[in-house]
Protein backbone atom coordinates (compact mmCIF):
# COMPACT_ATOMS: atom_id res chain seq x y z
CA UNK A 1 77.52 75.62 55.38
CA UNK A 2 81.08 74.37 54.69
CA UNK A 3 83.32 77.11 53.41
CA UNK A 4 85.58 76.61 50.37
CA UNK A 5 88.98 78.08 49.92
CA UNK A 6 88.96 80.81 47.16
CA UNK A 7 90.03 79.41 43.81
CA UNK A 8 91.10 82.13 41.25
CA UNK A 9 90.17 79.76 38.45
CA UNK A 10 86.59 79.28 39.75
CA UNK A 11 84.57 81.08 37.05
CA UNK A 12 80.86 81.74 37.03
CA UNK A 13 78.86 80.32 34.15
CA UNK A 14 77.04 83.63 34.06
CA UNK A 15 78.09 87.09 32.80
CA UNK A 16 78.05 88.95 36.11
CA UNK A 17 81.14 90.83 35.10
CA UNK A 18 79.15 92.85 32.58
CA UNK A 19 77.28 94.65 35.38
CA UNK A 20 78.24 98.25 35.61
CA UNK A 21 76.19 98.84 38.83
CA UNK A 22 73.81 101.29 37.13
CA UNK A 23 70.97 99.83 39.36
CA UNK A 24 68.37 100.06 36.51
CA UNK A 25 67.43 96.49 37.46
CA UNK A 26 66.35 97.55 40.89
CA UNK A 27 63.96 100.08 39.50
CA UNK A 28 62.12 97.38 37.40
CA UNK A 29 62.14 94.73 40.13
CA UNK A 30 58.45 94.20 41.21
CA UNK A 31 59.51 92.58 44.51
CA UNK A 32 61.51 95.40 46.17
CA UNK A 33 58.73 97.90 46.57
CA UNK A 34 56.55 95.41 48.57
CA UNK A 35 59.08 93.30 50.41
CA UNK A 36 62.23 94.91 51.95
CA UNK A 37 63.64 91.56 52.89
CA UNK A 38 64.66 90.98 49.27
CA UNK A 39 68.05 92.48 48.68
CA UNK A 40 67.26 93.33 45.09
CA UNK A 41 68.45 91.89 41.74
CA UNK A 42 71.86 93.73 41.62
CA UNK A 43 72.90 92.70 45.09
CA UNK A 44 71.43 89.20 44.82
CA UNK A 45 72.77 88.72 41.32
CA UNK A 46 76.03 90.09 40.00
CA UNK A 47 77.21 91.62 43.28
CA UNK A 48 76.44 88.42 45.17
CA UNK A 49 78.00 86.33 42.55
CA UNK A 50 81.36 87.99 43.02
CA UNK A 51 81.25 87.11 46.70
CA UNK A 52 79.91 83.61 46.27
CA UNK A 53 82.68 82.65 43.97
CA UNK A 54 85.15 83.51 46.75
CA UNK A 55 83.07 81.92 49.61
CA UNK A 56 79.77 80.08 49.21
CA UNK A 57 78.98 81.12 52.73
CA UNK A 58 77.91 84.48 51.23
CA UNK A 59 74.83 82.83 49.82
CA UNK A 60 71.71 84.31 51.33
CA UNK A 61 68.42 82.27 51.46
CA UNK A 62 66.52 85.50 50.92
CA UNK A 63 67.25 84.88 47.15
CA UNK A 64 64.09 82.70 47.26
CA UNK A 65 62.04 85.90 47.23
CA UNK A 66 63.15 86.45 43.60
CA UNK A 67 60.13 85.75 41.22
CA UNK A 68 62.40 84.84 38.32
CA UNK A 69 60.23 87.28 36.36
CA UNK A 70 63.24 88.35 34.28
CA UNK A 71 62.12 92.00 34.26
CA UNK A 72 65.63 92.83 35.51
CA UNK A 73 67.13 91.21 32.49
CA UNK A 74 64.78 93.00 30.18
CA UNK A 75 65.77 96.36 31.76
CA UNK A 76 69.50 95.71 31.89
CA UNK A 77 71.34 97.76 29.22
CA UNK A 78 74.31 95.40 29.27
CA UNK A 79 72.33 92.12 28.91
CA UNK A 80 73.40 90.75 32.24
CA UNK A 81 71.56 87.48 32.97
CA UNK A 82 70.52 88.62 36.37
CA UNK A 83 67.67 86.23 36.93
CA UNK A 84 69.76 83.30 35.78
CA UNK A 85 72.52 84.27 38.17
CA UNK A 86 70.13 84.29 41.08
CA UNK A 87 68.41 81.09 40.20
CA UNK A 88 71.66 79.37 39.56
CA UNK A 89 72.91 80.40 42.93
CA UNK A 90 69.82 78.95 44.59
CA UNK A 91 70.32 75.65 42.77
CA UNK A 92 73.99 75.62 43.60
CA UNK A 93 74.11 76.77 47.20
CA UNK A 94 70.76 76.57 48.91
CA UNK A 95 70.64 74.00 51.75
CA UNK A 96 66.89 74.38 52.32
CA UNK A 97 65.17 71.19 51.32
CA UNK A 98 61.69 71.24 49.62
CA UNK A 99 58.80 70.94 51.96
CA UNK A 100 55.85 68.63 51.49
CA UNK A 101 53.88 71.61 50.31
CA UNK A 102 56.59 72.50 47.71
CA UNK A 103 56.53 68.97 46.32
CA UNK A 104 52.72 68.95 46.06
CA UNK A 105 52.67 72.29 44.24
CA UNK A 106 55.58 71.35 41.95
CA UNK A 107 54.49 67.94 40.91
CA UNK A 108 51.73 69.00 38.59
CA UNK A 109 51.51 65.77 36.65
CA UNK A 110 51.00 63.70 39.69
CA UNK A 111 48.57 66.01 41.41
CA UNK A 112 46.80 66.71 38.08
CA UNK A 113 46.29 63.02 37.33
CA UNK A 114 44.81 62.33 40.73
CA UNK A 115 42.74 65.48 40.90
CA UNK A 116 41.20 65.18 37.48
CA UNK A 117 40.04 61.66 38.18
CA UNK A 118 38.13 63.04 41.13
CA UNK A 119 37.48 66.47 39.75
CA UNK A 120 33.95 67.11 41.22
CA UNK A 121 35.05 66.17 44.69
CA UNK A 122 38.41 68.02 44.52
CA UNK A 123 36.91 71.16 43.03
CA UNK A 124 34.19 71.28 45.71
CA UNK A 125 36.56 70.55 48.54
CA UNK A 126 39.28 73.13 47.82
CA UNK A 127 36.61 75.80 47.45
CA UNK A 128 35.48 75.25 51.02
CA UNK A 129 36.76 77.69 53.57
CA UNK A 130 37.40 75.04 56.23
CA UNK A 131 39.47 73.06 53.78
CA UNK A 132 41.45 76.12 52.78
CA UNK A 133 41.97 76.95 56.46
CA UNK A 134 43.32 73.51 57.03
CA UNK A 135 45.69 73.74 54.12
CA UNK A 136 46.82 77.07 55.50
CA UNK A 137 47.53 75.56 58.86
CA UNK A 138 49.06 72.24 57.83
CA UNK A 139 50.63 72.93 54.37
CA UNK A 140 51.11 76.77 54.66
CA UNK A 141 49.19 77.32 51.46
CA UNK A 142 47.47 80.60 52.05
CA UNK A 143 43.69 80.27 52.69
CA UNK A 144 42.88 83.36 50.54
CA UNK A 145 44.24 81.64 47.43
CA UNK A 146 41.61 80.13 45.16
CA UNK A 147 42.60 77.01 43.19
CA UNK A 148 41.99 76.55 39.52
CA UNK A 149 39.27 73.89 38.80
CA UNK A 150 40.23 70.47 37.42
CA UNK A 151 38.57 69.05 34.37
CA UNK A 152 36.88 65.58 34.71
CA UNK A 153 38.39 64.68 31.33
CA UNK A 154 41.99 65.28 30.51
CA UNK A 155 42.87 66.88 27.16
CA UNK A 156 44.92 63.94 26.11
CA UNK A 157 42.00 61.61 26.66
CA UNK A 158 39.68 63.93 24.65
CA UNK A 159 42.26 64.12 21.87
CA UNK A 160 42.61 60.41 21.46
CA UNK A 161 38.86 59.90 21.37
CA UNK A 162 37.80 62.83 19.22
CA UNK A 163 40.67 64.40 17.21
CA UNK A 164 43.51 62.05 16.65
CA UNK A 165 42.09 60.13 13.75
CA UNK A 166 41.39 63.19 11.61
CA UNK A 167 44.75 65.03 12.08
CA UNK A 168 46.54 63.02 9.35
CA UNK A 169 44.11 64.35 6.76
CA UNK A 170 45.99 67.65 6.43
CA UNK A 171 49.03 68.51 4.20
CA UNK A 172 50.95 70.36 6.92
CA UNK A 173 51.49 69.26 10.56
CA UNK A 174 52.64 70.65 13.90
CA UNK A 175 53.07 69.01 17.33
CA UNK A 176 51.44 70.52 20.30
CA UNK A 177 53.08 70.93 23.80
CA UNK A 178 49.82 71.37 25.69
CA UNK A 179 51.31 71.49 29.17
CA UNK A 180 49.68 70.69 32.50
CA UNK A 181 47.10 73.48 32.48
CA UNK A 182 45.44 72.45 29.24
CA UNK A 183 45.64 68.72 30.18
CA UNK A 184 44.28 68.80 33.68
CA UNK A 185 42.52 72.11 34.09
CA UNK A 186 41.28 73.65 30.83
CA UNK A 187 41.15 71.23 27.90
CA UNK A 188 39.01 73.75 25.96
CA UNK A 189 42.12 75.78 25.16
CA UNK A 190 43.67 72.72 23.41
CA UNK A 191 40.41 72.24 21.55
CA UNK A 192 40.46 75.93 20.46
CA UNK A 193 44.01 75.53 19.12
CA UNK A 194 43.06 72.50 17.08
CA UNK A 195 40.11 74.28 15.70
CA UNK A 196 42.28 77.23 14.48
CA UNK A 197 45.18 75.05 13.21
CA UNK A 198 42.83 72.79 11.32
CA UNK A 199 41.16 75.87 9.80
CA UNK A 200 44.60 77.05 8.78
CA UNK A 201 45.29 73.64 7.05
CA UNK A 202 47.49 72.01 9.77
CA UNK A 203 47.03 68.77 11.48
CA UNK A 204 47.92 68.90 15.24
CA UNK A 205 49.72 65.98 16.95
CA UNK A 206 50.76 65.33 20.48
CA UNK A 207 54.23 64.73 21.52
CA UNK A 208 55.58 61.33 22.70
CA UNK A 209 54.48 61.25 26.37
CA UNK A 210 55.29 64.92 27.18
CA UNK A 211 56.18 65.75 30.78
CA UNK A 212 55.52 69.02 32.71
CA UNK A 213 57.95 71.61 31.51
CA UNK A 214 59.33 71.65 35.02
CA UNK A 215 59.12 75.33 35.86
CA UNK A 216 57.54 74.62 39.22
CA UNK A 217 60.12 71.98 39.98
CA UNK A 218 62.84 74.41 39.37
CA UNK A 219 61.44 77.14 41.52
CA UNK A 220 60.76 74.75 44.39
CA UNK A 221 64.29 73.26 44.38
CA UNK A 222 63.44 69.87 42.80
CA UNK A 223 66.23 70.24 40.22
CA UNK A 224 67.11 66.68 39.67
CA UNK A 225 63.54 65.83 38.75
CA UNK A 226 63.29 68.97 36.67
CA UNK A 227 66.42 67.89 34.71
CA UNK A 228 65.15 64.42 34.14
CA UNK A 229 61.87 65.82 32.69
CA UNK A 230 63.73 68.37 30.56
CA UNK A 231 65.77 65.62 28.98
CA UNK A 232 62.64 63.60 28.29
CA UNK A 233 60.94 66.68 26.72
CA UNK A 234 63.99 67.59 24.58
CA UNK A 235 64.05 64.05 23.22
CA UNK A 236 60.29 64.18 22.37
CA UNK A 237 60.75 67.67 20.73
CA UNK A 238 63.71 66.27 18.78
CA UNK A 239 61.56 63.37 17.51
CA UNK A 240 59.04 65.81 16.28
CA UNK A 241 61.25 68.66 14.90
CA UNK A 242 64.29 66.84 13.60
CA UNK A 243 62.97 63.43 12.68
CA UNK A 244 59.45 64.21 11.62
CA UNK A 245 60.08 67.80 10.43
CA UNK A 246 57.17 69.07 12.56
CA UNK A 247 57.68 72.23 14.53
CA UNK A 248 56.32 72.30 18.06
CA UNK A 249 53.88 75.04 19.32
CA UNK A 250 52.46 75.74 22.75
CA UNK A 251 49.73 77.96 24.20
CA UNK A 252 51.61 78.70 27.38
CA UNK A 253 54.19 81.50 27.46
CA UNK A 254 55.82 80.15 30.54
CA UNK A 255 56.06 76.52 29.26
CA UNK A 256 57.64 77.57 26.00
CA UNK A 257 60.03 80.04 27.73
CA UNK A 258 61.13 77.36 30.13
CA UNK A 259 61.85 74.90 27.45
CA UNK A 260 63.64 77.38 25.26
CA UNK A 261 65.71 79.27 27.87
CA UNK A 262 65.72 77.69 31.29
CA UNK A 263 66.62 74.16 30.14
CA UNK A 264 70.10 75.21 28.97
CA UNK A 265 70.73 78.18 31.39
CA UNK A 266 69.55 76.58 34.56
CA UNK A 267 69.52 72.81 34.04
CA UNK A 268 72.43 72.39 31.66
CA UNK A 269 70.12 70.50 29.17
CA UNK A 270 71.12 71.41 25.58
CA UNK A 271 68.23 72.19 23.17
CA UNK A 272 70.16 73.69 20.20
CA UNK A 273 68.44 71.30 17.71
CA UNK A 274 64.93 72.15 18.75
CA UNK A 275 65.00 75.76 20.17
CA UNK A 276 64.13 77.74 17.03
CA UNK A 277 61.38 75.35 15.95
CA UNK A 278 59.71 75.60 19.47
CA UNK A 279 57.43 78.63 19.74
CA UNK A 280 54.18 80.06 20.98
CA UNK A 281 51.12 79.23 18.83
CA UNK A 282 50.35 82.99 18.37
CA UNK A 283 53.78 83.62 16.98
CA UNK A 284 53.45 80.76 14.60
CA UNK A 285 50.16 81.92 13.35
CA UNK A 286 51.22 85.59 13.02
CA UNK A 287 54.23 84.60 10.85
CA UNK A 288 52.02 82.51 8.62
CA UNK A 289 49.78 85.51 8.14
CA UNK A 290 52.63 87.96 7.72
CA UNK A 291 54.12 85.78 5.09
CA UNK A 292 50.96 85.51 3.15
CA UNK A 293 50.60 81.76 3.78
CA UNK A 294 47.38 82.20 5.88
CA UNK A 295 44.39 84.53 6.01
CA UNK A 296 42.04 84.48 8.90
CA UNK A 297 38.43 85.41 8.13
CA UNK A 298 36.49 86.69 11.12
CA UNK A 299 32.81 86.70 11.95
CA UNK A 300 31.15 90.05 11.43
CA UNK A 301 29.08 89.93 14.62
CA UNK A 302 32.05 89.50 17.08
CA UNK A 303 32.21 92.71 19.22
CA UNK A 304 34.39 92.86 22.32
CA UNK A 305 36.46 95.24 24.31
CA UNK A 306 39.54 93.37 25.26
CA UNK A 307 42.49 94.35 27.42
CA UNK A 308 45.90 92.47 27.04
CA UNK A 309 48.22 91.69 30.00
CA UNK A 310 51.83 90.89 29.03
CA UNK A 311 53.05 87.99 31.17
CA UNK A 312 56.57 88.43 32.53
CA UNK A 313 58.09 85.57 30.54
CA UNK A 314 56.40 86.90 27.45
CA UNK A 315 58.11 90.24 28.07
CA UNK A 316 61.41 88.46 28.16
CA UNK A 317 60.68 86.53 25.02
CA UNK A 318 59.69 89.72 23.30
CA UNK A 319 56.61 88.07 21.77
CA UNK A 320 53.71 89.97 23.11
CA UNK A 321 53.50 91.66 19.64
CA UNK A 322 52.41 88.50 18.01
CA UNK A 323 49.52 87.89 20.41
CA UNK A 324 48.35 91.57 20.42
CA UNK A 325 48.50 91.98 16.73
CA UNK A 326 46.35 88.86 16.18
CA UNK A 327 43.73 90.20 18.55
CA UNK A 328 43.89 93.58 16.77
CA UNK A 329 43.13 91.82 13.49
CA UNK A 330 39.66 91.04 14.67
CA UNK A 331 37.51 93.89 13.16
CA UNK A 332 35.02 93.98 16.09
CA UNK A 333 37.68 94.32 18.88
CA UNK A 334 38.17 97.46 20.88
CA UNK A 335 41.70 96.84 22.10
CA UNK A 336 43.31 98.11 25.31
CA UNK A 337 47.06 97.50 25.96
CA UNK A 338 47.66 97.30 29.78
CA UNK A 339 50.87 98.57 31.26
CA UNK A 340 53.54 95.80 31.40
CA UNK A 341 53.40 94.83 35.04
CA UNK A 342 53.94 91.71 36.98
CA UNK A 343 50.76 90.08 38.30
CA UNK A 344 52.66 88.77 41.39
CA UNK A 345 51.72 85.11 41.36
CA UNK A 346 54.98 83.82 39.85
CA UNK A 347 53.74 80.27 39.38
CA UNK A 348 53.64 78.58 42.82
CA UNK A 349 55.09 81.57 44.66
CA UNK A 350 51.76 83.27 45.29
CA UNK A 351 50.17 80.11 46.66
CA UNK A 352 52.64 80.02 49.65
CA UNK A 353 51.49 81.63 52.90
CA UNK A 354 54.70 83.52 53.50
CA UNK A 355 54.46 85.07 49.97
CA UNK A 356 50.85 85.73 49.62
CA UNK A 357 50.88 89.35 50.91
CA UNK A 358 53.82 90.20 48.60
CA UNK A 359 52.18 88.52 45.62
CA UNK A 360 49.01 90.54 45.96
CA UNK A 361 51.01 93.78 46.64
CA UNK A 362 53.03 93.31 43.44
CA UNK A 363 49.89 92.70 41.39
CA UNK A 364 47.81 95.52 42.81
CA UNK A 365 48.74 98.24 40.32
CA UNK A 366 47.76 95.79 37.52
CA UNK A 367 44.50 94.91 39.23
CA UNK A 368 43.72 98.58 39.64
CA UNK A 369 44.29 99.34 36.03
CA UNK A 370 42.08 96.34 34.88
CA UNK A 371 39.34 97.52 37.17
CA UNK A 372 39.57 101.00 35.58
CA UNK A 373 39.44 99.83 31.95
CA UNK A 374 35.97 98.47 31.98
CA UNK A 375 36.62 95.67 29.40
CA UNK A 376 34.65 92.60 28.55
CA UNK A 377 37.62 90.40 29.51
CA UNK A 378 41.41 90.36 29.79
CA UNK A 379 43.61 88.38 27.35
CA UNK A 380 46.94 86.79 28.32
CA UNK A 381 49.14 83.92 27.23
CA UNK A 382 49.99 82.70 30.83
CA UNK A 383 47.65 80.37 32.76
CA UNK A 384 48.95 81.53 36.27
CA UNK A 385 48.44 85.17 35.38
CA UNK A 386 44.88 84.22 34.48
CA UNK A 387 44.37 82.54 37.91
CA UNK A 388 45.83 85.64 39.67
CA UNK A 389 43.82 88.17 37.68
CA UNK A 390 40.45 86.28 37.94
CA UNK A 391 40.98 85.85 41.75
CA UNK A 392 41.92 89.47 42.30
CA UNK A 393 39.53 91.32 39.97
CA UNK A 394 35.97 90.85 38.62
CA UNK A 395 37.40 90.27 35.13
CA UNK A 396 37.48 86.99 33.27
CA UNK A 397 40.54 86.07 31.39
CA UNK A 398 41.02 84.34 28.02
CA UNK A 399 43.99 83.07 26.08
CA UNK A 400 44.43 84.77 22.72
CA UNK A 401 43.94 81.45 21.08
CA UNK A 402 40.56 81.03 22.57
CA UNK A 403 39.62 84.55 21.50
CA UNK A 404 40.63 83.72 17.88
CA UNK A 405 38.75 80.46 17.97
CA UNK A 406 35.54 82.22 18.93
CA UNK A 407 36.02 85.07 16.45
CA UNK A 408 37.01 83.26 13.27
CA UNK A 409 34.81 82.02 10.51
CA UNK A 410 36.17 78.47 10.10
CA UNK A 411 34.69 77.68 6.72
CA UNK A 412 35.72 80.99 5.12
CA UNK A 413 39.28 80.53 6.54
CA UNK A 414 39.59 77.03 5.24
CA UNK A 415 38.67 78.18 1.72
CA UNK A 416 41.96 80.18 1.67
CA UNK A 417 44.27 77.18 1.84
CA UNK A 418 41.83 75.01 -0.19
CA UNK A 419 42.20 77.32 -3.19
């Protein structure tokens, strides 16, 4: 790497100077206990930034071991953007080019479009041990990793055929950023959201040709592509929020976190006009209920013991309260709050052969607690957390929106706003 002469006017975009070296971040880092190769958030973040500003040669490729879980930032008493510092350094200084594997894992729209059109074949193939062994050998995708199944019909296709015509019949409206998971893997979650929002008196509309939020592109070093998609999404959000006066909601904590926080912090894509009207669906619903604008009526025969797992990005957003309170509103729910712990998968991180052992080690305390709770299923707002928990425990995982969709009495709920 070519060294640069120290420039005293070279200033970091991040607030590393606020770090007082208390090392609280290292205590909350989920990677350090399982992988000694990672220097830790303090050394990789604010300490390293001081050195990198003097000489980029101080950049260490071990920063790729950071999950970008943001737990260091949540723990920091001085609000140092530790995760942002680390990820920005990777974007700015890393000379490692993305591998074919990384491009496959990161391009969720391309892979999802191809896989969903051949869903029965793809789902059968990637479940076969010989195929997984081959991917392990050729692509370095660990053979232990189980892939989520693809749907034969994309959510966008279902929406156009079955829901689009009726959404204009409502007095209030929202747009839905469904994300790759709903579109290609689990359209039922999108259907569940429409069921709830329609029962609440809201028509649900799709954005103008939304793109993947780009979180996997960022983490795999495809920053130019991520930036292009971010600009496209911000434009689509602006059309909805500013021009049509329709807020945008999502069912993925990671998607909405990326759009709200990572776009400006890591990609330099401004989102000031749309940030506050872009939120998680559970937060939107909770605020309606809390303000008295909505009352959800639940079925009397719904009885479940449910444990809630807080995704890392949900912890950073501070929004787990909204999802957990909605679940607790259901009279027949026996609610269990799991300790806030990283599941370890970190998007595409846990799919890679070199990271698999660390990913499982990070998640093991969570898996143990889930196994000990004896619940009907686990609730969480992150799709990759769902994949990790379902692969690593006997428990099934549901999004809080799907839980509400099963538990509400639609007709009784609709009477509230039809008064």
